[in-house]
């Protein structure tokens, strides 16, 4: 099992952090979508409706890695996803 820490770099959600088993995802795009959904879910739980709506339109991506395979092969424990480019 490959667990990585995901940290979001975003104007509104900077620092959102979660640990994820990377192997449960099929692609980097799917991983980014999953993280976005988790942010939305947390905003919903906290009844932060405006932030939930902002999270729904996030376009998360990773600068350091192009594929999930690269992340799986990497020794990096922390993966940064951003939406500001």
Protein backbone atom coordinates (compact mmCIF):
# COMPACT_ATOMS: atom_id res chain seq x y z
CA UNK A 1 0.00 0.00 0.00
CA UNK A 2 1.43 3.36 -1.07
CA UNK A 3 0.23 6.20 1.17
CA UNK A 4 1.06 9.77 0.18
CA UNK A 5 0.20 13.04 1.86
CA UNK A 6 -1.68 15.37 -0.46
CA UNK A 7 -1.48 19.10 0.22
CA UNK A 8 -3.59 21.56 -1.76
CA UNK A 9 -2.09 24.84 -2.89
CA UNK A 10 -5.01 27.13 -3.61
CA UNK A 11 -6.12 30.65 -2.76
CA UNK A 12 -9.09 29.42 -0.71
CA UNK A 13 -8.06 25.90 0.25
CA UNK A 14 -4.33 26.28 0.80
CA UNK A 15 -3.09 23.74 3.31
CA UNK A 16 -5.96 21.27 2.96
CA UNK A 17 -4.13 18.05 3.73
CA UNK A 18 -5.05 14.40 3.56
CA UNK A 19 -3.32 11.04 3.39
CA UNK A 20 -4.38 8.84 0.51
CA UNK A 21 -3.64 5.34 -0.68
CA UNK A 22 -2.52 6.24 -4.18
CA UNK A 23 -3.03 2.72 -5.53
CA UNK A 24 -6.82 2.99 -5.20
CA UNK A 25 -6.90 5.51 -8.07
CA UNK A 26 -6.56 4.83 -11.78
CA UNK A 27 -5.12 8.15 -12.92
CA UNK A 28 -3.76 11.46 -11.71
CA UNK A 29 -6.91 13.12 -13.02
CA UNK A 30 -9.05 10.78 -10.91
CA UNK A 31 -6.88 11.47 -7.86
CA UNK A 32 -7.32 15.24 -8.34
CA UNK A 33 -11.07 14.78 -8.69
CA UNK A 34 -11.16 12.68 -5.52
CA UNK A 35 -9.32 15.36 -3.53
CA UNK A 36 -11.71 18.00 -4.88
CA UNK A 37 -14.68 15.87 -3.79
CA UNK A 38 -13.17 15.49 -0.32
CA UNK A 39 -12.79 19.27 0.00
CA UNK A 40 -16.42 19.68 -1.08
CA UNK A 41 -17.54 17.07 1.44
CA UNK A 42 -15.70 18.78 4.29
CA UNK A 43 -17.18 22.15 3.37
CA UNK A 44 -20.66 20.58 3.31
CA UNK A 45 -20.14 18.97 6.74
CA UNK A 46 -19.11 22.36 8.11
CA UNK A 47 -22.09 24.01 6.39
CA UNK A 48 -19.77 26.32 4.46
CA UNK A 49 -22.00 26.54 1.40
CA UNK A 50 -20.12 29.26 -0.46
CA UNK A 51 -16.79 27.45 0.01
CA UNK A 52 -18.42 24.16 -1.04
CA UNK A 53 -19.52 25.83 -4.27
CA UNK A 54 -16.02 27.25 -4.78
CA UNK A 55 -14.54 23.79 -4.22
CA UNK A 56 -16.87 22.34 -6.85
CA UNK A 57 -15.11 24.33 -9.59
CA UNK A 58 -11.52 23.66 -8.53
CA UNK A 59 -9.25 22.52 -11.34
CA UNK A 60 -6.59 20.68 -9.38
CA UNK A 61 -3.41 19.52 -11.10
CA UNK A 62 0.13 18.56 -10.22
CA UNK A 63 3.22 20.31 -11.55
CA UNK A 64 5.81 17.78 -10.47
CA UNK A 65 4.15 14.63 -11.80
CA UNK A 66 2.33 13.93 -15.06
CA UNK A 67 1.02 10.48 -14.27
CA UNK A 68 -0.07 8.44 -11.30
CA UNK A 69 2.69 5.94 -12.12
CA UNK A 70 5.30 8.66 -11.54
CA UNK A 71 3.81 9.35 -8.11
CA UNK A 72 3.80 5.64 -7.27
CA UNK A 73 7.47 5.35 -8.23
CA UNK A 74 8.51 8.51 -6.41
CA UNK A 75 10.14 8.62 -2.99
CA UNK A 76 8.29 11.88 -2.29
CA UNK A 77 5.92 11.48 0.64
CA UNK A 78 4.16 14.78 -0.02
CA UNK A 79 2.34 15.56 -3.26
CA UNK A 80 1.18 19.12 -3.94
CA UNK A 81 -1.91 19.78 -6.01
CA UNK A 82 -2.69 23.32 -7.11
CA UNK A 83 -5.44 25.18 -8.92
CA UNK A 84 -3.81 28.52 -9.65
CA UNK A 85 -2.09 28.46 -13.02
